[in-house]
Amino acid sequence: MANAFVHVELNTPDPAKAKTFYSKLFQWKLADVPNTAVPDGSYTMIEVGAGTGGGIMKQVAGGPAGWLPYVEVDDIHAATQRAESLGGKVMKDVTEVSGMGWFSFIQDPTGAVLGLWKSK
């Protein structure tokens, strides 16, 4: 499938509270990793076993709060610009995640928010 959903991320004002809640609710394995692309420099990877994994991070300024799905794209800059040219809004421009790839947040013309992701 082209442009598959590849990651689901919780952007929250209180990552510690969210980690406690979700680890108890679903028994997810959580692993904190350093990440300079996020507001507090910390990111928590979620290992779910089978299926698409995700992460938990402190909410990005100007970004959405809540669960955000990511779609893999071939060219992150072109896809982000194309979303805007089609009437969408760029909520977070292309940002590098050191050693992993790049992401952006877009909002479609109906108000729904989506993350775009390009792996290194």
PDB file of N, CA and C in Angstrom:
ATOM      1  N   MET A   1       0.855  -1.180   0.000  1.00  0.00           N
ATOM      2  CA  MET A   1       0.000   0.000   0.000  1.00  0.00           C
ATOM      3  C   MET A   1       0.893   1.233   0.000  1.00  0.00           C
ATOM      4  N   ALA A   2       0.669   2.127  -0.903  1.00  0.00           N
ATOM      5  CA  ALA A   2       1.423   3.385  -0.943  1.00  0.00           C
ATOM      6  C   ALA A   2       0.969   4.302   0.189  1.00  0.00           C
ATOM      7  N   ASN A   3       1.913   5.000   0.770  1.00  0.00           N
ATOM      8  CA  ASN A   3       1.632   5.956   1.834  1.00  0.00           C
ATOM      9  C   ASN A   3       0.839   5.346   2.990  1.00  0.00           C
ATOM     10  N   ALA A   4       1.389   4.306   3.552  1.00  0.00           N
ATOM     11  CA  ALA A   4       0.753   3.606   4.670  1.00  0.00           C
ATOM     12  C   ALA A   4       0.898   4.385   5.977  1.00  0.00           C
ATOM     13  N   PHE A   5      -0.017   4.141   6.909  1.00  0.00           N
ATOM     14  CA  PHE A   5       0.139   4.652   8.260  1.00  0.00           C
ATOM     15  C   PHE A   5       1.282   3.875   8.899  1.00  0.00           C
ATOM     16  N   VAL A   6       2.256   4.591   9.493  1.00  0.00           N
ATOM     17  CA  VAL A   6       3.454   3.925  10.003  1.00  0.00           C
ATOM     18  C   VAL A   6       3.729   4.154  11.484  1.00  0.00           C
ATOM     19  N   HIS A   7       3.012   5.070  12.106  1.00  0.00           N
ATOM     20  CA  HIS A   7       3.326   5.431  13.482  1.00  0.00           C
ATOM     21  C   HIS A   7       2.122   6.183  14.053  1.00  0.00           C
ATOM     22  N   VAL A   8       1.865   6.010  15.325  1.00  0.00           N
ATOM     23  CA  VAL A   8       0.810   6.758  16.010  1.00  0.00           C
ATOM     24  C   VAL A   8       1.438   7.361  17.255  1.00  0.00           C
ATOM     25  N   GLU A   9       1.232   8.661  17.433  1.00  0.00           N
ATOM     26  CA  GLU A   9       1.958   9.376  18.483  1.00  0.00           C
ATOM     27  C   GLU A   9       0.995  10.183  19.345  1.00  0.00           C
ATOM     28  N   LEU A  10       1.225  10.132  20.646  1.00  0.00           N
ATOM     29  CA  LEU A  10       0.453  10.953  21.566  1.00  0.00           C
ATOM     30  C   LEU A  10       1.246  12.210  21.894  1.00  0.00           C
ATOM     31  N   ASN A  11       0.694  13.357  21.519  1.00  0.00           N
ATOM     32  CA  ASN A  11       1.249  14.661  21.882  1.00  0.00           C
ATOM     33  C   ASN A  11       0.432  15.144  23.075  1.00  0.00           C
ATOM     34  N   THR A  12       1.090  15.319  24.204  1.00  0.00           N
ATOM     35  CA  THR A  12       0.374  15.612  25.436  1.00  0.00           C
ATOM     36  C   THR A  12       1.106  16.661  26.276  1.00  0.00           C
ATOM     37  N   PRO A  13       0.359  17.481  27.002  1.00  0.00           N
ATOM     38  CA  PRO A  13       1.018  18.433  27.896  1.00  0.00           C
ATOM     39  C   PRO A  13       1.649  17.749  29.116  1.00  0.00           C
ATOM     40  N   ASP A  14       1.292  16.479  29.389  1.00  0.00           N
ATOM     41  CA  ASP A  14       1.808  15.773  30.567  1.00  0.00           C
ATOM     42  C   ASP A  14       2.215  14.340  30.198  1.00  0.00           C
ATOM     43  N   PRO A  15       3.397  14.172  29.587  1.00  0.00           N
ATOM     44  CA  PRO A  15       3.827  12.835  29.183  1.00  0.00           C
ATOM     45  C   PRO A  15       3.914  11.826  30.333  1.00  0.00           C
ATOM     46  N   ALA A  16       4.371  12.243  31.492  1.00  0.00           N
ATOM     47  CA  ALA A  16       4.514  11.306  32.612  1.00  0.00           C
ATOM     48  C   ALA A  16       3.165  10.712  33.007  1.00  0.00           C
ATOM     49  N   LYS A  17       2.155  11.542  33.075  1.00  0.00           N
ATOM     50  CA  LYS A  17       0.813  11.079  33.429  1.00  0.00           C
ATOM     51  C   LYS A  17       0.267  10.139  32.356  1.00  0.00           C
ATOM     52  N   ALA A  18       0.496  10.485  31.094  1.00  0.00           N
ATOM     53  CA  ALA A  18       0.032   9.640  29.988  1.00  0.00           C
ATOM     54  C   ALA A  18       0.741   8.290  29.998  1.00  0.00           C
ATOM     55  N   LYS A  19       2.055   8.292  30.241  1.00  0.00           N
ATOM     56  CA  LYS A  19       2.808   7.030  30.268  1.00  0.00           C
ATOM     57  C   LYS A  19       2.295   6.112  31.369  1.00  0.00           C
ATOM     58  N   THR A  20       2.031   6.658  32.543  1.00  0.00           N
ATOM     59  CA  THR A  20       1.496   5.859  33.642  1.00  0.00           C
ATOM     60  C   THR A  20       0.147   5.258  33.257  1.00  0.00           C
ATOM     61  N   PHE A  21      -0.726   6.063  32.695  1.00  0.00           N
ATOM     62  CA  PHE A  21      -2.062   5.610  32.310  1.00  0.00           C
ATOM     63  C   PHE A  21      -2.007   4.498  31.262  1.00  0.00           C
ATOM     64  N   TYR A  22      -1.329   4.745  30.141  1.00  0.00           N
ATOM     65  CA  TYR A  22      -1.341   3.789  29.029  1.00  0.00           C
ATOM     66  C   TYR A  22      -0.543   2.524  29.318  1.00  0.00           C
ATOM     67  N   SER A  23       0.528   2.633  30.094  1.00  0.00           N
ATOM     68  CA  SER A  23       1.280   1.418  30.420  1.00  0.00           C
ATOM     69  C   SER A  23       0.452   0.496  31.306  1.00  0.00           C
ATOM     70  N   LYS A  24      -0.363   1.068  32.173  1.00  0.00           N
ATOM     71  CA  LYS A  24      -1.235   0.248  33.030  1.00  0.00           C
ATOM     72  C   LYS A  24      -2.455  -0.260  32.263  1.00  0.00           C
ATOM     73  N   LEU A  25      -3.001   0.564  31.375  1.00  0.00           N
ATOM     74  CA  LEU A  25      -4.189   0.186  30.624  1.00  0.00           C
ATOM     75  C   LEU A  25      -3.905  -0.952  29.643  1.00  0.00           C
ATOM     76  N   PHE A  26      -2.806  -0.853  28.893  1.00  0.00           N
ATOM     77  CA  PHE A  26      -2.529  -1.809  27.825  1.00  0.00           C
ATOM     78  C   PHE A  26      -1.286  -2.669  28.051  1.00  0.00           C
ATOM     79  N   GLN A  27      -0.539  -2.450  29.115  1.00  0.00           N
ATOM     80  CA  GLN A  27       0.709  -3.160  29.372  1.00  0.00           C
ATOM     81  C   GLN A  27       1.710  -2.985  28.220  1.00  0.00           C
ATOM     82  N   TRP A  28       1.702  -1.802  27.604  1.00  0.00           N
ATOM     83  CA  TRP A  28       2.676  -1.495  26.558  1.00  0.00           C
ATOM     84  C   TRP A  28       4.067  -1.409  27.160  1.00  0.00           C
ATOM     85  N   LYS A  29       5.080  -1.807  26.376  1.00  0.00           N
ATOM     86  CA  LYS A  29       6.470  -1.597  26.760  1.00  0.00           C
ATOM     87  C   LYS A  29       6.844  -0.178  26.335  1.00  0.00           C
ATOM     88  N   LEU A  30       7.331   0.605  27.275  1.00  0.00           N
ATOM     89  CA  LEU A  30       7.711   1.987  27.007  1.00  0.00           C
ATOM     90  C   LEU A  30       9.212   2.146  27.194  1.00  0.00           C
ATOM     91  N   ALA A  31       9.844   2.851  26.260  1.00  0.00           N
ATOM     92  CA  ALA A  31      11.287   3.077  26.338  1.00  0.00           C
ATOM     93  C   ALA A  31      11.588   4.541  26.029  1.00  0.00           C
ATOM     94  N   ASP A  32      12.149   5.257  27.007  1.00  0.00           N
ATOM     95  CA  ASP A  32      12.515   6.655  26.814  1.00  0.00           C
ATOM     96  C   ASP A  32      13.801   6.745  26.007  1.00  0.00           C
ATOM     97  N   VAL A  33      13.793   7.646  25.016  1.00  0.00           N
ATOM     98  CA  VAL A  33      14.971   7.876  24.184  1.00  0.00           C
ATOM     99  C   VAL A  33      15.191   9.382  24.056  1.00  0.00           C
ATOM    100  N   PRO A  34      16.447   9.826  23.985  1.00  0.00           N
ATOM    101  CA  PRO A  34      16.692  11.263  23.795  1.00  0.00           C
ATOM    102  C   PRO A  34      16.271  11.675  22.391  1.00  0.00           C
ATOM    103  N   ASN A  35      15.708  12.876  22.282  1.00  0.00           N
ATOM    104  CA  ASN A  35      15.281  13.375  20.980  1.00  0.00           C
ATOM    105  C   ASN A  35      15.278  14.900  21.027  1.00  0.00           C
ATOM    106  N   THR A  36      16.210  15.517  20.337  1.00  0.00           N
ATOM    107  CA  THR A  36      16.321  16.981  20.364  1.00  0.00           C
ATOM    108  C   THR A  36      15.253  17.677  19.544  1.00  0.00           C
ATOM    109  N   ALA A  37      14.448  16.936  18.773  1.00  0.00           N
ATOM    110  CA  ALA A  37      13.401  17.550  17.945  1.00  0.00           C
ATOM    111  C   ALA A  37      12.114  17.795  18.727  1.00  0.00           C
ATOM    112  N   VAL A  38      12.044  17.346  19.974  1.00  0.00           N
ATOM    113  CA  VAL A  38      10.824  17.529  20.768  1.00  0.00           C
ATOM    114  C   VAL A  38      11.081  18.538  21.885  1.00  0.00           C
ATOM    115  N   PRO A  39      10.006  19.151  22.391  1.00  0.00           N
ATOM    116  CA  PRO A  39      10.155  20.267  23.329  1.00  0.00           C
ATOM    117  C   PRO A  39      11.009  20.007  24.569  1.00  0.00           C
ATOM    118  N   ASP A  40      10.890  18.841  25.189  1.00  0.00           N
ATOM    119  CA  ASP A  40      11.655  18.603  26.425  1.00  0.00           C
ATOM    120  C   ASP A  40      12.865  17.695  26.203  1.00  0.00           C
ATOM    121  N   GLY A  41      13.167  17.364  24.940  1.00  0.00           N
ATOM    122  CA  GLY A  41      14.343  16.558  24.630  1.00  0.00           C
ATOM    123  C   GLY A  41      14.192  15.080  24.908  1.00  0.00           C
ATOM    124  N   SER A  42      12.985  14.635  25.240  1.00  0.00           N
ATOM    125  CA  SER A  42      12.756  13.235  25.564  1.00  0.00           C
ATOM    126  C   SER A  42      11.571  12.709  24.761  1.00  0.00           C
ATOM    127  N   TYR A  43      11.672  11.460  24.347  1.00  0.00           N
ATOM    128  CA  TYR A  43      10.612  10.818  23.578  1.00  0.00           C
ATOM    129  C   TYR A  43      10.454   9.412  24.114  1.00  0.00           C
ATOM    130  N   THR A  44       9.233   8.928  24.197  1.00  0.00           N
ATOM    131  CA  THR A  44       8.985   7.577  24.685  1.00  0.00           C
ATOM    132  C   THR A  44       8.454   6.728  23.543  1.00  0.00           C
ATOM    133  N   MET A  45       9.199   5.692  23.189  1.00  0.00           N
ATOM    134  CA  MET A  45       8.754   4.751  22.164  1.00  0.00           C
ATOM    135  C   MET A  45       7.777   3.759  22.791  1.00  0.00           C
ATOM    136  N   ILE A  46       6.727   3.432  22.035  1.00  0.00           N
ATOM    137  CA  ILE A  46       5.729   2.450  22.467  1.00  0.00           C
ATOM    138  C   ILE A  46       5.903   1.200  21.624  1.00  0.00           C
ATOM    139  N   GLU A  47       6.188   0.089  22.291  1.00  0.00           N
ATOM    140  CA  GLU A  47       6.266  -1.204  21.610  1.00  0.00           C
ATOM    141  C   GLU A  47       4.983  -1.960  21.915  1.00  0.00           C
ATOM    142  N   VAL A  48       4.228  -2.271  20.857  1.00  0.00           N
ATOM    143  CA  VAL A  48       2.926  -2.904  21.041  1.00  0.00           C
ATOM    144  C   VAL A  48       2.920  -4.378  20.649  1.00  0.00           C
ATOM    145  N   GLY A  49       4.054  -4.883  20.168  1.00  0.00           N
ATOM    146  CA  GLY A  49       4.080  -6.247  19.644  1.00  0.00           C
ATOM    147  C   GLY A  49       3.682  -6.203  18.181  1.00  0.00           C
ATOM    148  N   ALA A  50       2.621  -6.901  17.803  1.00  0.00           N
ATOM    149  CA  ALA A  50       2.130  -6.885  16.423  1.00  0.00           C
ATOM    150  C   ALA A  50       1.413  -5.567  16.143  1.00  0.00           C
ATOM    151  N   GLY A  51       1.542  -5.070  14.931  1.00  0.00           N
ATOM    152  CA  GLY A  51       0.844  -3.849  14.542  1.00  0.00           C
ATOM    153  C   GLY A  51       1.756  -2.638  14.572  1.00  0.00           C
ATOM    154  N   THR A  52       1.174  -1.493  14.328  1.00  0.00           N
ATOM    155  CA  THR A  52       1.908  -0.232  14.269  1.00  0.00           C
ATOM    156  C   THR A  52       2.204   0.265  15.672  1.00  0.00           C
ATOM    157  N   GLY A  53       3.461   0.556  15.928  1.00  0.00           N
ATOM    158  CA  GLY A  53       3.861   1.101  17.220  1.00  0.00           C
ATOM    159  C   GLY A  53       3.679   2.604  17.249  1.00  0.00           C
ATOM    160  N   GLY A  54       4.214   3.223  18.279  1.00  0.00           N
ATOM    161  CA  GLY A  54       4.033   4.656  18.397  1.00  0.00           C
ATOM    162  C   GLY A  54       4.963   5.282  19.394  1.00  0.00           C
ATOM    163  N   GLY A  55       4.535   6.440  19.875  1.00  0.00           N
ATOM    164  CA  GLY A  55       5.340   7.186  20.815  1.00  0.00           C
ATOM    165  C   GLY A  55       4.509   8.150  21.631  1.00  0.00           C
ATOM    166  N   ILE A  56       5.128   8.650  22.679  1.00  0.00           N
ATOM    167  CA  ILE A  56       4.510   9.657  23.554  1.00  0.00           C
ATOM    168  C   ILE A  56       5.519  10.779  23.705  1.00  0.00           C
ATOM    169  N   MET A  57       5.051  12.005  23.545  1.00  0.00           N
ATOM    170  CA  MET A  57       5.947  13.154  23.674  1.00  0.00           C
ATOM    171  C   MET A  57       5.202  14.363  24.213  1.00  0.00           C
ATOM    172  N   LYS A  58       5.977  15.319  24.720  1.00  0.00           N
ATOM    173  CA  LYS A  58       5.412  16.583  25.160  1.00  0.00           C
ATOM    174  C   LYS A  58       4.872  17.305  23.937  1.00  0.00           C
ATOM    175  N   GLN A  59       3.702  17.885  24.088  1.00  0.00           N
ATOM    176  CA  GLN A  59       3.039  18.586  22.988  1.00  0.00           C
ATOM    177  C   GLN A  59       3.942  19.665  22.400  1.00  0.00           C
ATOM    178  N   VAL A  60       4.058  19.664  21.070  1.00  0.00           N
ATOM    179  CA  VAL A  60       4.837  20.664  20.342  1.00  0.00           C
ATOM    180  C   VAL A  60       4.046  21.967  20.292  1.00  0.00           C
ATOM    181  N   ALA A  61       4.711  23.097  20.551  1.00  0.00           N
ATOM    182  CA  ALA A  61       4.038  24.402  20.465  1.00  0.00           C
ATOM    183  C   ALA A  61       3.426  24.564  19.082  1.00  0.00           C
ATOM    184  N   GLY A  62       2.154  24.892  19.034  1.00  0.00           N
ATOM    185  CA  GLY A  62       1.451  25.043  17.772  1.00  0.00           C
ATOM    186  C   GLY A  62       0.946  23.739  17.205  1.00  0.00           C
ATOM    187  N   GLY A  63       1.322  22.638  17.825  1.00  0.00           N
ATOM    188  CA  GLY A  63       0.875  21.324  17.365  1.00  0.00           C
ATOM    189  C   GLY A  63      -0.366  20.878  18.112  1.00  0.00           C
ATOM    190  N   PRO A  64      -0.959  19.808  17.632  1.00  0.00           N
ATOM    191  CA  PRO A  64      -2.189  19.322  18.242  1.00  0.00           C
ATOM    192  C   PRO A  64      -1.913  18.542  19.531  1.00  0.00           C
ATOM    193  N   ALA A  65      -2.880  18.527  20.426  1.00  0.00           N
ATOM    194  CA  ALA A  65      -2.849  17.635  21.583  1.00  0.00           C
ATOM    195  C   ALA A  65      -3.701  16.430  21.212  1.00  0.00           C
ATOM    196  N   GLY A  66      -3.271  15.260  21.600  1.00  0.00           N
ATOM    197  CA  GLY A  66      -4.028  14.051  21.318  1.00  0.00           C
ATOM    198  C   GLY A  66      -3.222  13.099  20.463  1.00  0.00           C
ATOM    199  N   TRP A  67      -3.886  12.040  20.027  1.00  0.00           N
ATOM    200  CA  TRP A  67      -3.254  11.013  19.209  1.00  0.00           C
ATOM    201  C   TRP A  67      -3.147  11.490  17.779  1.00  0.00           C
ATOM    202  N   LEU A  68      -1.981  11.305  17.181  1.00  0.00           N
ATOM    203  CA  LEU A  68      -1.707  11.767  15.828  1.00  0.00           C
ATOM    204  C   LEU A  68      -1.133  10.620  14.997  1.00  0.00           C
ATOM    205  N   PRO A  69      -1.843  10.201  13.933  1.00  0.00           N
ATOM    206  CA  PRO A  69      -1.283   9.188  13.049  1.00  0.00           C
ATOM    207  C   PRO A  69      -0.306   9.814  12.062  1.00  0.00           C
ATOM    208  N   TYR A  70       0.679   9.028  11.646  1.00  0.00           N
ATOM    209  CA  TYR A  70       1.675   9.465  10.659  1.00  0.00           C
ATOM    210  C   TYR A  70       1.581   8.590   9.419  1.00  0.00           C
ATOM    211  N   VAL A  71       1.740   9.224   8.255  1.00  0.00           N
ATOM    212  CA  VAL A  71       1.758   8.533   6.979  1.00  0.00           C
ATOM    213  C   VAL A  71       3.160   8.672   6.384  1.00  0.00           C
ATOM    214  N   GLU A  72       3.714   7.571   5.892  1.00  0.00           N
ATOM    215  CA  GLU A  72       5.034   7.580   5.244  1.00  0.00           C
ATOM    216  C   GLU A  72       4.920   8.225   3.870  1.00  0.00           C
ATOM    217  N   VAL A  73       5.854   9.123   3.556  1.00  0.00           N
ATOM    218  CA  VAL A  73       5.911   9.782   2.246  1.00  0.00           C
ATOM    219  C   VAL A  73       7.314   9.638   1.672  1.00  0.00           C
ATOM    220  N   ASP A  74       7.415   9.710   0.348  1.00  0.00           N
ATOM    221  CA  ASP A  74       8.712   9.600  -0.320  1.00  0.00           C
ATOM    222  C   ASP A  74       9.528  10.880  -0.209  1.00  0.00           C
ATOM    223  N   ASP A  75       8.844  12.033  -0.272  1.00  0.00           N
ATOM    224  CA  ASP A  75       9.509  13.338  -0.246  1.00  0.00           C
ATOM    225  C   ASP A  75       8.751  14.228   0.736  1.00  0.00           C
ATOM    226  N   ILE A  76       9.285  14.371   1.938  1.00  0.00           N
ATOM    227  CA  ILE A  76       8.586  15.096   3.003  1.00  0.00           C
ATOM    228  C   ILE A  76       8.348  16.560   2.648  1.00  0.00           C
ATOM    229  N   HIS A  77       9.311  17.201   2.018  1.00  0.00           N
ATOM    230  CA  HIS A  77       9.144  18.610   1.651  1.00  0.00           C
ATOM    231  C   HIS A  77       8.051  18.774   0.602  1.00  0.00           C
ATOM    232  N   ALA A  78       8.078  17.943  -0.434  1.00  0.00           N
ATOM    233  CA  ALA A  78       7.081  18.032  -1.502  1.00  0.00           C
ATOM    234  C   ALA A  78       5.684  17.711  -0.980  1.00  0.00           C
ATOM    235  N   ALA A  79       5.559  16.678  -0.137  1.00  0.00           N
ATOM    236  CA  ALA A  79       4.245  16.298   0.390  1.00  0.00           C
ATOM    237  C   ALA A  79       3.674  17.394   1.291  1.00  0.00           C
ATOM    238  N   THR A  80       4.531  18.007   2.094  1.00  0.00           N
ATOM    239  CA  THR A  80       4.084  19.090   2.979  1.00  0.00           C
ATOM    240  C   THR A  80       3.621  20.281   2.150  1.00  0.00           C
ATOM    241  N   GLN A  81       4.383  20.646   1.148  1.00  0.00           N
ATOM    242  CA  GLN A  81       4.000  21.762   0.272  1.00  0.00           C
ATOM    243  C   GLN A  81       2.744  21.436  -0.526  1.00  0.00           C
ATOM    244  N   ARG A  82       2.618  20.198  -0.973  1.00  0.00           N
ATOM    245  CA  ARG A  82       1.439  19.795  -1.740  1.00  0.00           C
ATOM    246  C   ARG A  82       0.184  19.887  -0.877  1.00  0.00           C
ATOM    247  N   ALA A  83       0.275  19.485   0.376  1.00  0.00           N
ATOM    248  CA  ALA A  83      -0.877  19.596   1.281  1.00  0.00           C
ATOM    249  C   ALA A  83      -1.349  21.048   1.359  1.00  0.00           C
ATOM    250  N   GLU A  84      -0.396  21.967   1.474  1.00  0.00           N
ATOM    251  CA  GLU A  84      -0.740  23.388   1.557  1.00  0.00           C
ATOM    252  C   GLU A  84      -1.358  23.869   0.239  1.00  0.00           C
ATOM    253  N   SER A  85      -0.812  23.439  -0.885  1.00  0.00           N
ATOM    254  CA  SER A  85      -1.337  23.869  -2.188  1.00  0.00           C
ATOM    255  C   SER A  85      -2.740  23.325  -2.447  1.00  0.00           C
ATOM    256  N   LEU A  86      -3.105  22.244  -1.748  1.00  0.00           N
ATOM    257  CA  LEU A  86      -4.442  21.662  -1.897  1.00  0.00           C
ATOM    258  C   LEU A  86      -5.448  22.228  -0.900  1.00  0.00           C
ATOM    259  N   GLY A  87      -5.059  23.276  -0.181  1.00  0.00           N
ATOM    260  CA  GLY A  87      -5.979  23.916   0.762  1.00  0.00           C
ATOM    261  C   GLY A  87      -5.767  23.540   2.204  1.00  0.00           C
ATOM    262  N   GLY A  88      -4.730  22.749   2.472  1.00  0.00           N
ATOM    263  CA  GLY A  88      -4.418  22.389   3.851  1.00  0.00           C
ATOM    264  C   GLY A  88      -3.555  23.463   4.503  1.00  0.00           C
ATOM    265  N   LYS A  89      -3.265  23.254   5.775  1.00  0.00           N
ATOM    266  CA  LYS A  89      -2.451  24.192   6.544  1.00  0.00           C
ATOM    267  C   LYS A  89      -1.255  23.419   7.109  1.00  0.00           C
ATOM    268  N   VAL A  90      -0.088  24.006   7.031  1.00  0.00           N
ATOM    269  CA  VAL A  90       1.088  23.402   7.647  1.00  0.00           C
ATOM    270  C   VAL A  90       1.140  23.876   9.093  1.00  0.00           C
ATOM    271  N   MET A  91       0.940  22.955  10.011  1.00  0.00           N
ATOM    272  CA  MET A  91       0.943  23.298  11.435  1.00  0.00           C
ATOM    273  C   MET A  91       2.355  23.247  12.018  1.00  0.00           C
ATOM    274  N   LYS A  92       3.191  22.358  11.510  1.00  0.00           N
ATOM    275  CA  LYS A  92       4.587  22.221  11.928  1.00  0.00           C
ATOM    276  C   LYS A  92       5.363  21.868  10.677  1.00  0.00           C
ATOM    277  N   ASP A  93       6.269  22.753  10.286  1.00  0.00           N
ATOM    278  CA  ASP A  93       7.033  22.517   9.068  1.00  0.00           C
ATOM    279  C   ASP A  93       7.994  21.348   9.260  1.00  0.00           C
ATOM    280  N   VAL A  94       8.588  20.916   8.196  1.00  0.00           N
ATOM    281  CA  VAL A  94       9.488  19.763   8.201  1.00  0.00           C
ATOM    282  C   VAL A  94      10.574  19.944   9.260  1.00  0.00           C
ATOM    283  N   THR A  95      10.701  18.938  10.111  1.00  0.00           N
ATOM    284  CA  THR A  95      11.655  18.947  11.217  1.00  0.00           C
ATOM    285  C   THR A  95      12.401  17.621  11.232  1.00  0.00           C
ATOM    286  N   GLU A  96      13.708  17.677  11.408  1.00  0.00           N
ATOM    287  CA  GLU A  96      14.508  16.454  11.438  1.00  0.00           C
ATOM    288  C   GLU A  96      14.494  15.826  12.825  1.00  0.00           C
ATOM    289  N   VAL A  97      14.393  14.517  12.849  1.00  0.00           N
ATOM    290  CA  VAL A  97      14.576  13.721  14.058  1.00  0.00           C
ATOM    291  C   VAL A  97      15.919  13.025  13.870  1.00  0.00           C
ATOM    292  N   SER A  98      16.907  13.461  14.598  1.00  0.00           N
ATOM    293  CA  SER A  98      18.286  13.025  14.420  1.00  0.00           C
ATOM    294  C   SER A  98      18.409  11.512  14.333  1.00  0.00           C
ATOM    295  N   GLY A  99      19.005  11.057  13.244  1.00  0.00           N
ATOM    296  CA  GLY A  99      19.265   9.644  13.058  1.00  0.00           C
ATOM    297  C   GLY A  99      18.080   8.813  12.613  1.00  0.00           C
ATOM    298  N   MET A 100      16.894   9.416  12.531  1.00  0.00           N
ATOM    299  CA  MET A 100      15.692   8.636  12.218  1.00  0.00           C
ATOM    300  C   MET A 100      14.986   9.088  10.943  1.00  0.00           C
ATOM    301  N   GLY A 101      14.789  10.399  10.778  1.00  0.00           N
ATOM    302  CA  GLY A 101      14.045  10.887   9.617  1.00  0.00           C
ATOM    303  C   GLY A 101      13.530  12.297   9.826  1.00  0.00           C
ATOM    304  N   TRP A 102      12.412  12.613   9.163  1.00  0.00           N
ATOM    305  CA  TRP A 102      11.817  13.955   9.214  1.00  0.00           C
ATOM    306  C   TRP A 102      10.308  13.827   9.358  1.00  0.00           C
ATOM    307  N   PHE A 103       9.699  14.826  10.009  1.00  0.00           N
ATOM    308  CA  PHE A 103       8.245  14.845  10.143  1.00  0.00           C
ATOM    309  C   PHE A 103       7.715  16.253   9.905  1.00  0.00           C
ATOM    310  N   SER A 104       6.419  16.323   9.628  1.00  0.00           N
ATOM    311  CA  SER A 104       5.686  17.592   9.608  1.00  0.00           C
ATOM    312  C   SER A 104       4.264  17.291  10.056  1.00  0.00           C
ATOM    313  N   PHE A 105       3.539  18.329  10.478  1.00  0.00           N
ATOM    314  CA  PHE A 105       2.120  18.213  10.815  1.00  0.00           C
ATOM    315  C   PHE A 105       1.343  19.042   9.815  1.00  0.00           C
ATOM    316  N   ILE A 106       0.294  18.458   9.254  1.00  0.00           N
ATOM    317  CA  ILE A 106      -0.585  19.216   8.365  1.00  0.00           C
ATOM    318  C   ILE A 106      -2.016  19.140   8.892  1.00  0.00           C
ATOM    319  N   GLN A 107      -2.820  20.093   8.478  1.00  0.00           N
ATOM    320  CA  GLN A 107      -4.247  20.092   8.802  1.00  0.00           C
ATOM    321  C   GLN A 107      -4.987  20.154   7.478  1.00  0.00           C
ATOM    322  N   ASP A 108      -5.892  19.212   7.262  1.00  0.00           N
ATOM    323  CA  ASP A 108      -6.618  19.204   5.998  1.00  0.00           C
ATOM    324  C   ASP A 108      -7.694  20.296   5.996  1.00  0.00           C
ATOM    325  N   PRO A 109      -8.343  20.561   4.857  1.00  0.00           N
ATOM    326  CA  PRO A 109      -9.344  21.634   4.791  1.00  0.00           C
ATOM    327  C   PRO A 109     -10.568  21.424   5.694  1.00  0.00           C
ATOM    328  N   THR A 110     -10.741  20.201   6.226  1.00  0.00           N
ATOM    329  CA  THR A 110     -11.874  19.955   7.127  1.00  0.00           C
ATOM    330  C   THR A 110     -11.492  20.120   8.596  1.00  0.00           C
ATOM    331  N   GLY A 111     -10.186  20.355   8.863  1.00  0.00           N
ATOM    332  CA  GLY A 111      -9.719  20.553  10.231  1.00  0.00           C
ATOM    333  C   GLY A 111      -8.997  19.365  10.839  1.00  0.00           C
ATOM    334  N   ALA A 112      -8.977  18.204  10.152  1.00  0.00           N
ATOM    335  CA  ALA A 112      -8.292  17.020  10.683  1.00  0.00           C
ATOM    336  C   ALA A 112      -6.782  17.190  10.560  1.00  0.00           C
ATOM    337  N   VAL A 113      -6.049  16.710  11.572  1.00  0.00           N
ATOM    338  CA  VAL A 113      -4.598  16.842  11.616  1.00  0.00           C
ATOM    339  C   VAL A 113      -3.961  15.489  11.320  1.00  0.00           C
ATOM    340  N   LEU A 114      -2.847  15.525  10.569  1.00  0.00           N
ATOM    341  CA  LEU A 114      -2.129  14.327  10.185  1.00  0.00           C
ATOM    342  C   LEU A 114      -0.639  14.612  10.217  1.00  0.00           C
ATOM    343  N   GLY A 115       0.143  13.619  10.620  1.00  0.00           N
ATOM    344  CA  GLY A 115       1.589  13.733  10.563  1.00  0.00           C
ATOM    345  C   GLY A 115       2.101  13.089   9.293  1.00  0.00           C
ATOM    346  N   LEU A 116       3.120  13.699   8.702  1.00  0.00           N
ATOM    347  CA  LEU A 116       3.806  13.114   7.554  1.00  0.00           C
ATOM    348  C   LEU A 116       5.193  12.687   8.043  1.00  0.00           C
ATOM    349  N   TRP A 117       5.702  11.568   7.543  1.00  0.00           N
ATOM    350  CA  TRP A 117       6.974  11.023   8.008  1.00  0.00           C
ATOM    351  C   TRP A 117       7.797  10.524   6.826  1.00  0.00           C
ATOM    352  N   LYS A 118       9.084  10.822   6.867  1.00  0.00           N
ATOM    353  CA  LYS A 118      10.049  10.306   5.892  1.00  0.00           C
ATOM    354  C   LYS A 118      11.205   9.714   6.678  1.00  0.00           C
ATOM    355  N   SER A 119      11.396   8.401   6.548  1.00  0.00           N
ATOM    356  CA  SER A 119      12.502   7.728   7.220  1.00  0.00           C
ATOM    357  C   SER A 119      13.813   8.049   6.537  1.00  0.00           C
ATOM    358  N   LYS A 120      14.903   8.028   7.323  1.00  0.00           N
ATOM    359  CA  LYS A 120      16.247   8.191   6.744  1.00  0.00           C
ATOM    360  C   LYS A 120      16.595   6.967   5.956  1.00  0.00           C
TER     361      LYS A 120
END
